[in-house]
Amino acid sequence: MLYAIWQITPSGKAHMQALLTTSSGLELQVAASEALAFQDIQNEPEVQGRLRLITEFEKKFPKSALLSYVYMFMRQQQKLTRRLAILKQR
């Protein structure tokens, strides 16, 4: 019972871990807050919103195991932004 109560406290939530599996099959164990922030980036419908969330993630989790994936995602978004700009010029 005490463990269940501890889990819902801010301190308990901060210590919760998420296990993520990359596309290459590598398993990463990260804080739940990091996993949720990464999921927010992936679910953001607007390119500029994704880039803003990526910048926030980088500042909030500078030593995250997900950072390389966030940077890869950022590069994809930057390429998409450039392509959209080129298409708008035509």
PDB file of N, CA and C in Angstrom:
ATOM      1  N   MET A   1       0.817  -1.188   0.000  1.00  0.00           N
ATOM      2  CA  MET A   1       0.000   0.000   0.000  1.00  0.00           C
ATOM      3  C   MET A   1       0.864   1.255   0.000  1.00  0.00           C
ATOM      4  N   LEU A   2       1.906   1.277   0.829  1.00  0.00           N
ATOM      5  CA  LEU A   2       2.769   2.450   0.871  1.00  0.00           C
ATOM      6  C   LEU A   2       3.450   2.694  -0.474  1.00  0.00           C
ATOM      7  N   TYR A   3       3.834   1.607  -1.157  1.00  0.00           N
ATOM      8  CA  TYR A   3       4.459   1.747  -2.472  1.00  0.00           C
ATOM      9  C   TYR A   3       3.498   2.406  -3.451  1.00  0.00           C
ATOM     10  N   ALA A   4       2.226   2.025  -3.412  1.00  0.00           N
ATOM     11  CA  ALA A   4       1.218   2.609  -4.302  1.00  0.00           C
ATOM     12  C   ALA A   4       1.049   4.096  -4.011  1.00  0.00           C
ATOM     13  N   ILE A   5       1.063   4.458  -2.761  1.00  0.00           N
ATOM     14  CA  ILE A   5       0.957   5.879  -2.395  1.00  0.00           C
ATOM     15  C   ILE A   5       2.205   6.617  -2.852  1.00  0.00           C
ATOM     16  N   TRP A   6       3.372   6.029  -2.638  1.00  0.00           N
ATOM     17  CA  TRP A   6       4.634   6.657  -3.033  1.00  0.00           C
ATOM     18  C   TRP A   6       4.656   6.926  -4.538  1.00  0.00           C
ATOM     19  N   GLN A   7       4.095   5.991  -5.344  1.00  0.00           N
ATOM     20  CA  GLN A   7       4.112   6.135  -6.795  1.00  0.00           C
ATOM     21  C   GLN A   7       3.350   7.365  -7.270  1.00  0.00           C
ATOM     22  N   ILE A   8       2.325   7.781  -6.561  1.00  0.00           N
ATOM     23  CA  ILE A   8       1.530   8.906  -7.039  1.00  0.00           C
ATOM     24  C   ILE A   8       2.004  10.244  -6.501  1.00  0.00           C
ATOM     25  N   THR A   9       2.991  10.243  -5.620  1.00  0.00           N
ATOM     26  CA  THR A   9       3.552  11.500  -5.136  1.00  0.00           C
ATOM     27  C   THR A   9       4.498  12.060  -6.197  1.00  0.00           C
ATOM     28  N   PRO A  10       4.742  13.375  -6.188  1.00  0.00           N
ATOM     29  CA  PRO A  10       5.689  13.938  -7.165  1.00  0.00           C
ATOM     30  C   PRO A  10       7.061  13.277  -7.118  1.00  0.00           C
ATOM     31  N   SER A  11       7.540  12.966  -5.926  1.00  0.00           N
ATOM     32  CA  SER A  11       8.844  12.310  -5.802  1.00  0.00           C
ATOM     33  C   SER A  11       8.804  10.917  -6.412  1.00  0.00           C
ATOM     34  N   GLY A  12       7.735  10.203  -6.161  1.00  0.00           N
ATOM     35  CA  GLY A  12       7.591   8.859  -6.720  1.00  0.00           C
ATOM     36  C   GLY A  12       7.491   8.876  -8.227  1.00  0.00           C
ATOM     37  N   LYS A  13       6.724   9.814  -8.766  1.00  0.00           N
ATOM     38  CA  LYS A  13       6.589   9.919 -10.217  1.00  0.00           C
ATOM     39  C   LYS A  13       7.923  10.254 -10.875  1.00  0.00           C
ATOM     40  N   ALA A  14       8.733  11.048 -10.198  1.00  0.00           N
ATOM     41  CA  ALA A  14      10.035  11.425 -10.759  1.00  0.00           C
ATOM     42  C   ALA A  14      10.963  10.225 -10.864  1.00  0.00           C
ATOM     43  N   HIS A  15      10.759   9.220 -10.042  1.00  0.00           N
ATOM     44  CA  HIS A  15      11.628   8.037 -10.052  1.00  0.00           C
ATOM     45  C   HIS A  15      11.093   6.898 -10.902  1.00  0.00           C
ATOM     46  N   MET A  16       9.912   7.066 -11.489  1.00  0.00           N
ATOM     47  CA  MET A  16       9.360   6.017 -12.339  1.00  0.00           C
ATOM     48  C   MET A  16      10.188   5.922 -13.615  1.00  0.00           C
ATOM     49  N   GLN A  17      10.361   4.722 -14.120  1.00  0.00           N
ATOM     50  CA  GLN A  17      11.166   4.485 -15.306  1.00  0.00           C
ATOM     51  C   GLN A  17      10.295   3.932 -16.423  1.00  0.00           C
ATOM     52  N   ALA A  18      10.711   4.202 -17.645  1.00  0.00           N
ATOM     53  CA  ALA A  18      10.045   3.645 -18.823  1.00  0.00           C
ATOM     54  C   ALA A  18      11.080   2.857 -19.606  1.00  0.00           C
ATOM     55  N   LEU A  19      10.674   1.748 -20.159  1.00  0.00           N
ATOM     56  CA  LEU A  19      11.559   0.927 -20.972  1.00  0.00           C
ATOM     57  C   LEU A  19      11.112   1.080 -22.421  1.00  0.00           C
ATOM     58  N   LEU A  20      11.966   1.653 -23.245  1.00  0.00           N
ATOM     59  CA  LEU A  20      11.658   1.884 -24.651  1.00  0.00           C
ATOM     60  C   LEU A  20      12.531   1.000 -25.512  1.00  0.00           C
ATOM     61  N   THR A  21      11.990   0.538 -26.610  1.00  0.00           N
ATOM     62  CA  THR A  21      12.756  -0.269 -27.559  1.00  0.00           C
ATOM     63  C   THR A  21      12.905   0.524 -28.845  1.00  0.00           C
ATOM     64  N   THR A  22      14.140   0.702 -29.301  1.00  0.00           N
ATOM     65  CA  THR A  22      14.412   1.449 -30.519  1.00  0.00           C
ATOM     66  C   THR A  22      14.101   0.579 -31.732  1.00  0.00           C
ATOM     67  N   SER A  23      14.110   1.199 -32.903  1.00  0.00           N
ATOM     68  CA  SER A  23      13.837   0.451 -34.133  1.00  0.00           C
ATOM     69  C   SER A  23      14.892  -0.624 -34.388  1.00  0.00           C
ATOM     70  N   SER A  24      16.090  -0.442 -33.843  1.00  0.00           N
ATOM     71  CA  SER A  24      17.145  -1.445 -34.014  1.00  0.00           C
ATOM     72  C   SER A  24      17.081  -2.543 -32.950  1.00  0.00           C
ATOM     73  N   GLY A  25      16.100  -2.448 -32.026  1.00  0.00           N
ATOM     74  CA  GLY A  25      15.933  -3.474 -31.009  1.00  0.00           C
ATOM     75  C   GLY A  25      16.641  -3.179 -29.699  1.00  0.00           C
ATOM     76  N   LEU A  26      17.335  -2.062 -29.617  1.00  0.00           N
ATOM     77  CA  LEU A  26      18.030  -1.671 -28.389  1.00  0.00           C
ATOM     78  C   LEU A  26      17.012  -1.198 -27.359  1.00  0.00           C
ATOM     79  N   GLU A  27      17.128  -1.684 -26.139  1.00  0.00           N
ATOM     80  CA  GLU A  27      16.218  -1.272 -25.077  1.00  0.00           C
ATOM     81  C   GLU A  27      16.866  -0.156 -24.264  1.00  0.00           C
ATOM     82  N   LEU A  28      16.117   0.930 -24.082  1.00  0.00           N
ATOM     83  CA  LEU A  28      16.584   2.072 -23.306  1.00  0.00           C
ATOM     84  C   LEU A  28      15.693   2.248 -22.094  1.00  0.00           C
ATOM     85  N   GLN A  29      16.295   2.411 -20.932  1.00  0.00           N
ATOM     86  CA  GLN A  29      15.512   2.684 -19.736  1.00  0.00           C
ATOM     87  C   GLN A  29      15.707   4.152 -19.402  1.00  0.00           C
ATOM     88  N   VAL A  30      14.606   4.897 -19.442  1.00  0.00           N
ATOM     89  CA  VAL A  30      14.652   6.335 -19.187  1.00  0.00           C
ATOM     90  C   VAL A  30      13.542   6.694 -18.205  1.00  0.00           C
ATOM     91  N   ALA A  31      13.640   7.894 -17.649  1.00  0.00           N
ATOM     92  CA  ALA A  31      12.592   8.381 -16.757  1.00  0.00           C
ATOM     93  C   ALA A  31      11.287   8.500 -17.537  1.00  0.00           C
ATOM     94  N   ALA A  32      10.201   8.272 -16.858  1.00  0.00           N
ATOM     95  CA  ALA A  32       8.891   8.355 -17.506  1.00  0.00           C
ATOM     96  C   ALA A  32       8.665   9.739 -18.103  1.00  0.00           C
ATOM     97  N   SER A  33       9.147  10.771 -17.438  1.00  0.00           N
ATOM     98  CA  SER A  33       8.973  12.132 -17.947  1.00  0.00           C
ATOM     99  C   SER A  33       9.701  12.321 -19.282  1.00  0.00           C
ATOM    100  N   GLU A  34      10.857  11.688 -19.437  1.00  0.00           N
ATOM    101  CA  GLU A  34      11.584  11.761 -20.704  1.00  0.00           C
ATOM    102  C   GLU A  34      10.820  11.037 -21.810  1.00  0.00           C
ATOM    103  N   ALA A  35      10.324   9.852 -21.493  1.00  0.00           N
ATOM    104  CA  ALA A  35       9.574   9.069 -22.474  1.00  0.00           C
ATOM    105  C   ALA A  35       8.327   9.824 -22.922  1.00  0.00           C
ATOM    106  N   LEU A  36       7.637  10.454 -21.972  1.00  0.00           N
ATOM    107  CA  LEU A  36       6.435  11.213 -22.324  1.00  0.00           C
ATOM    108  C   LEU A  36       6.771  12.448 -23.149  1.00  0.00           C
ATOM    109  N   ALA A  37       7.870  13.112 -22.819  1.00  0.00           N
ATOM    110  CA  ALA A  37       8.280  14.286 -23.589  1.00  0.00           C
ATOM    111  C   ALA A  37       8.641  13.886 -25.019  1.00  0.00           C
ATOM    112  N   PHE A  38       9.313  12.757 -25.191  1.00  0.00           N
ATOM    113  CA  PHE A  38       9.660  12.263 -26.522  1.00  0.00           C
ATOM    114  C   PHE A  38       8.398  11.894 -27.299  1.00  0.00           C
ATOM    115  N   GLN A  39       7.449  11.295 -26.617  1.00  0.00           N
ATOM    116  CA  GLN A  39       6.175  10.946 -27.253  1.00  0.00           C
ATOM    117  C   GLN A  39       5.427  12.214 -27.685  1.00  0.00           C
ATOM    118  N   ASP A  40       5.494  13.260 -26.870  1.00  0.00           N
ATOM    119  CA  ASP A  40       4.866  14.537 -27.234  1.00  0.00           C
ATOM    120  C   ASP A  40       5.481  15.103 -28.509  1.00  0.00           C
ATOM    121  N   ILE A  41       6.801  14.985 -28.634  1.00  0.00           N
ATOM    122  CA  ILE A  41       7.486  15.452 -29.843  1.00  0.00           C
ATOM    123  C   ILE A  41       6.961  14.695 -31.058  1.00  0.00           C
ATOM    124  N   GLN A  42       6.888  13.389 -30.944  1.00  0.00           N
ATOM    125  CA  GLN A  42       6.449  12.570 -32.064  1.00  0.00           C
ATOM    126  C   GLN A  42       4.987  12.821 -32.430  1.00  0.00           C
ATOM    127  N   ASN A  43       4.168  13.164 -31.451  1.00  0.00           N
ATOM    128  CA  ASN A  43       2.740  13.349 -31.691  1.00  0.00           C
ATOM    129  C   ASN A  43       2.358  14.771 -32.097  1.00  0.00           C
ATOM    130  N   GLU A  44       3.282  15.713 -31.991  1.00  0.00           N
ATOM    131  CA  GLU A  44       2.991  17.101 -32.352  1.00  0.00           C
ATOM    132  C   GLU A  44       2.747  17.193 -33.861  1.00  0.00           C
ATOM    133  N   PRO A  45       1.586  17.731 -34.272  1.00  0.00           N
ATOM    134  CA  PRO A  45       1.266  17.757 -35.700  1.00  0.00           C
ATOM    135  C   PRO A  45       2.009  18.826 -36.509  1.00  0.00           C
ATOM    136  N   GLU A  46       2.417  19.916 -35.876  1.00  0.00           N
ATOM    137  CA  GLU A  46       3.068  21.019 -36.589  1.00  0.00           C
ATOM    138  C   GLU A  46       4.590  20.910 -36.504  1.00  0.00           C
ATOM    139  N   VAL A  47       5.258  21.145 -37.630  1.00  0.00           N
ATOM    140  CA  VAL A  47       6.726  21.053 -37.684  1.00  0.00           C
ATOM    141  C   VAL A  47       7.363  22.032 -36.705  1.00  0.00           C
ATOM    142  N   GLN A  48       6.910  23.290 -36.709  1.00  0.00           N
ATOM    143  CA  GLN A  48       7.496  24.283 -35.800  1.00  0.00           C
ATOM    144  C   GLN A  48       7.253  23.910 -34.339  1.00  0.00           C
ATOM    145  N   GLY A  49       6.102  23.327 -34.065  1.00  0.00           N
ATOM    146  CA  GLY A  49       5.823  22.863 -32.708  1.00  0.00           C
ATOM    147  C   GLY A  49       6.763  21.738 -32.296  1.00  0.00           C
ATOM    148  N   ARG A  50       7.060  20.835 -33.225  1.00  0.00           N
ATOM    149  CA  ARG A  50       8.007  19.739 -32.945  1.00  0.00           C
ATOM    150  C   ARG A  50       9.390  20.300 -32.642  1.00  0.00           C
ATOM    151  N   LEU A  51       9.820  21.266 -33.440  1.00  0.00           N
ATOM    152  CA  LEU A  51      11.145  21.851 -33.218  1.00  0.00           C
ATOM    153  C   LEU A  51      11.208  22.561 -31.864  1.00  0.00           C
ATOM    154  N   ARG A  52      10.128  23.222 -31.472  1.00  0.00           N
ATOM    155  CA  ARG A  52      10.077  23.883 -30.168  1.00  0.00           C
ATOM    156  C   ARG A  52      10.157  22.843 -29.046  1.00  0.00           C
ATOM    157  N   LEU A  53       9.404  21.738 -29.178  1.00  0.00           N
ATOM    158  CA  LEU A  53       9.431  20.686 -28.172  1.00  0.00           C
ATOM    159  C   LEU A  53      10.796  20.014 -28.090  1.00  0.00           C
ATOM    160  N   ILE A  54      11.461  19.881 -29.237  1.00  0.00           N
ATOM    161  CA  ILE A  54      12.810  19.300 -29.257  1.00  0.00           C
ATOM    162  C   ILE A  54      13.772  20.180 -28.479  1.00  0.00           C
ATOM    163  N   THR A  55      13.691  21.486 -28.686  1.00  0.00           N
ATOM    164  CA  THR A  55      14.548  22.420 -27.958  1.00  0.00           C
ATOM    165  C   THR A  55      14.283  22.337 -26.458  1.00  0.00           C
ATOM    166  N   GLU A  56      13.017  22.255 -26.078  1.00  0.00           N
ATOM    167  CA  GLU A  56      12.662  22.115 -24.662  1.00  0.00           C
ATOM    168  C   GLU A  56      13.198  20.812 -24.086  1.00  0.00           C
ATOM    169  N   PHE A  57      13.093  19.720 -24.844  1.00  0.00           N
ATOM    170  CA  PHE A  57      13.591  18.422 -24.397  1.00  0.00           C
ATOM    171  C   PHE A  57      15.098  18.497 -24.152  1.00  0.00           C
ATOM    172  N   GLU A  58      15.799  19.105 -25.089  1.00  0.00           N
ATOM    173  CA  GLU A  58      17.255  19.212 -24.981  1.00  0.00           C
ATOM    174  C   GLU A  58      17.662  19.980 -23.721  1.00  0.00           C
ATOM    175  N   LYS A  59      16.936  21.031 -23.401  1.00  0.00           N
ATOM    176  CA  LYS A  59      17.252  21.828 -22.214  1.00  0.00           C
ATOM    177  C   LYS A  59      16.885  21.094 -20.927  1.00  0.00           C
ATOM    178  N   LYS A  60      15.750  20.389 -20.949  1.00  0.00           N
ATOM    179  CA  LYS A  60      15.263  19.731 -19.746  1.00  0.00           C
ATOM    180  C   LYS A  60      16.006  18.431 -19.447  1.00  0.00           C
ATOM    181  N   PHE A  61      16.431  17.721 -20.496  1.00  0.00           N
ATOM    182  CA  PHE A  61      17.088  16.413 -20.328  1.00  0.00           C
ATOM    183  C   PHE A  61      18.424  16.382 -21.077  1.00  0.00           C
ATOM    184  N   PRO A  62      19.408  17.183 -20.667  1.00  0.00           N
ATOM    185  CA  PRO A  62      20.664  17.271 -21.423  1.00  0.00           C
ATOM    186  C   PRO A  62      21.497  15.991 -21.442  1.00  0.00           C
ATOM    187  N   LYS A  63      21.239  15.067 -20.536  1.00  0.00           N
ATOM    188  CA  LYS A  63      22.019  13.820 -20.489  1.00  0.00           C
ATOM    189  C   LYS A  63      21.155  12.599 -20.797  1.00  0.00           C
ATOM    190  N   SER A  64      20.041  12.818 -21.460  1.00  0.00           N
ATOM    191  CA  SER A  64      19.100  11.738 -21.751  1.00  0.00           C
ATOM    192  C   SER A  64      19.674  10.734 -22.735  1.00  0.00           C
ATOM    193  N   ALA A  65      19.338   9.478 -22.513  1.00  0.00           N
ATOM    194  CA  ALA A  65      19.702   8.419 -23.464  1.00  0.00           C
ATOM    195  C   ALA A  65      18.932   8.580 -24.768  1.00  0.00           C
ATOM    196  N   LEU A  66      17.853   9.338 -24.739  1.00  0.00           N
ATOM    197  CA  LEU A  66      17.041   9.565 -25.938  1.00  0.00           C
ATOM    198  C   LEU A  66      17.537  10.735 -26.778  1.00  0.00           C
ATOM    199  N   LEU A  67      18.522  11.453 -26.299  1.00  0.00           N
ATOM    200  CA  LEU A  67      18.958  12.671 -26.974  1.00  0.00           C
ATOM    201  C   LEU A  67      19.400  12.428 -28.413  1.00  0.00           C
ATOM    202  N   SER A  68      20.103  11.344 -28.679  1.00  0.00           N
ATOM    203  CA  SER A  68      20.529  11.082 -30.059  1.00  0.00           C
ATOM    204  C   SER A  68      19.321  10.852 -30.964  1.00  0.00           C
ATOM    205  N   TYR A  69      18.272  10.235 -30.435  1.00  0.00           N
ATOM    206  CA  TYR A  69      17.052  10.019 -31.218  1.00  0.00           C
ATOM    207  C   TYR A  69      16.306  11.334 -31.428  1.00  0.00           C
ATOM    208  N   VAL A  70      16.342  12.174 -30.419  1.00  0.00           N
ATOM    209  CA  VAL A  70      15.719  13.492 -30.534  1.00  0.00           C
ATOM    210  C   VAL A  70      16.452  14.316 -31.603  1.00  0.00           C
ATOM    211  N   TYR A  71      17.780  14.263 -31.599  1.00  0.00           N
ATOM    212  CA  TYR A  71      18.553  14.993 -32.622  1.00  0.00           C
ATOM    213  C   TYR A  71      18.265  14.453 -34.021  1.00  0.00           C
ATOM    214  N   MET A  72      18.151  13.140 -34.150  1.00  0.00           N
ATOM    215  CA  MET A  72      17.837  12.551 -35.443  1.00  0.00           C
ATOM    216  C   MET A  72      16.451  13.019 -35.913  1.00  0.00           C
ATOM    217  N   PHE A  73      15.512  13.049 -35.003  1.00  0.00           N
ATOM    218  CA  PHE A  73      14.169  13.509 -35.315  1.00  0.00           C
ATOM    219  C   PHE A  73      14.194  14.987 -35.712  1.00  0.00           C
ATOM    220  N   MET A  74      15.041  15.776 -35.012  1.00  0.00           N
ATOM    221  CA  MET A  74      15.173  17.201 -35.318  1.00  0.00           C
ATOM    222  C   MET A  74      15.710  17.396 -36.736  1.00  0.00           C
ATOM    223  N   ARG A  75      16.701  16.617 -37.121  1.00  0.00           N
ATOM    224  CA  ARG A  75      17.254  16.720 -38.481  1.00  0.00           C
ATOM    225  C   ARG A  75      16.171  16.425 -39.515  1.00  0.00           C
ATOM    226  N   GLN A  76      15.355  15.430 -39.265  1.00  0.00           N
ATOM    227  CA  GLN A  76      14.268  15.100 -40.181  1.00  0.00           C
ATOM    228  C   GLN A  76      13.290  16.271 -40.294  1.00  0.00           C
ATOM    229  N   GLN A  77      13.004  16.908 -39.171  1.00  0.00           N
ATOM    230  CA  GLN A  77      12.076  18.039 -39.176  1.00  0.00           C
ATOM    231  C   GLN A  77      12.667  19.237 -39.910  1.00  0.00           C
ATOM    232  N   GLN A  78      13.972  19.468 -39.737  1.00  0.00           N
ATOM    233  CA  GLN A  78      14.621  20.570 -40.441  1.00  0.00           C
ATOM    234  C   GLN A  78      14.613  20.336 -41.945  1.00  0.00           C
ATOM    235  N   LYS A  79      14.852  19.100 -42.363  1.00  0.00           N
ATOM    236  CA  LYS A  79      14.794  18.772 -43.795  1.00  0.00           C
ATOM    237  C   LYS A  79      13.385  18.989 -44.332  1.00  0.00           C
ATOM    238  N   LEU A  80      12.393  18.580 -43.558  1.00  0.00           N
ATOM    239  CA  LEU A  80      11.006  18.773 -43.962  1.00  0.00           C
ATOM    240  C   LEU A  80      10.676  20.257 -44.076  1.00  0.00           C
ATOM    241  N   THR A  81      11.160  21.058 -43.149  1.00  0.00           N
ATOM    242  CA  THR A  81      10.929  22.503 -43.182  1.00  0.00           C
ATOM    243  C   THR A  81      11.543  23.104 -44.444  1.00  0.00           C
ATOM    244  N   ARG A  82      12.763  22.690 -44.787  1.00  0.00           N
ATOM    245  CA  ARG A  82      13.421  23.206 -46.003  1.00  0.00           C
ATOM    246  C   ARG A  82      12.653  22.789 -47.256  1.00  0.00           C
ATOM    247  N   ARG A  83      12.205  21.551 -47.295  1.00  0.00           N
ATOM    248  CA  ARG A  83      11.448  21.078 -48.459  1.00  0.00           C
ATOM    249  C   ARG A  83      10.144  21.852 -48.621  1.00  0.00           C
ATOM    250  N   LEU A  84       9.474  22.102 -47.503  1.00  0.00           N
ATOM    251  CA  LEU A  84       8.223  22.866 -47.568  1.00  0.00           C
ATOM    252  C   LEU A  84       8.482  24.293 -48.051  1.00  0.00           C
ATOM    253  N   ALA A  85       9.590  24.881 -47.609  1.00  0.00           N
ATOM    254  CA  ALA A  85       9.928  26.236 -48.052  1.00  0.00           C
ATOM    255  C   ALA A  85      10.192  26.273 -49.558  1.00  0.00           C
ATOM    256  N   ILE A  86      10.881  25.255 -50.070  1.00  0.00           N
ATOM    257  CA  ILE A  86      11.167  25.171 -51.488  1.00  0.00           C
ATOM    258  C   ILE A  86       9.873  25.017 -52.281  1.00  0.00           C
ATOM    259  N   LEU A  87       8.982  24.178 -51.790  1.00  0.00           N
ATOM    260  CA  LEU A  87       7.709  23.981 -52.485  1.00  0.00           C
ATOM    261  C   LEU A  87       6.855  25.241 -52.487  1.00  0.00           C
ATOM    262  N   LYS A  88       6.922  26.027 -51.428  1.00  0.00           N
ATOM    263  CA  LYS A  88       6.161  27.275 -51.366  1.00  0.00           C
ATOM    264  C   LYS A  88       6.687  28.311 -52.348  1.00  0.00           C
ATOM    265  N   GLN A  89       7.986  28.240 -52.662  1.00  0.00           N
ATOM    266  CA  GLN A  89       8.590  29.192 -53.585  1.00  0.00           C
ATOM    267  C   GLN A  89       8.196  28.919 -55.028  1.00  0.00           C
ATOM    268  N   ARG A  90       7.788  27.726 -55.331  1.00  0.00           N
ATOM    269  CA  ARG A  90       7.459  27.344 -56.715  1.00  0.00           C
ATOM    270  C   ARG A  90       6.153  27.912 -57.140  1.00  0.00           C
TER     271      ARG A  90
END
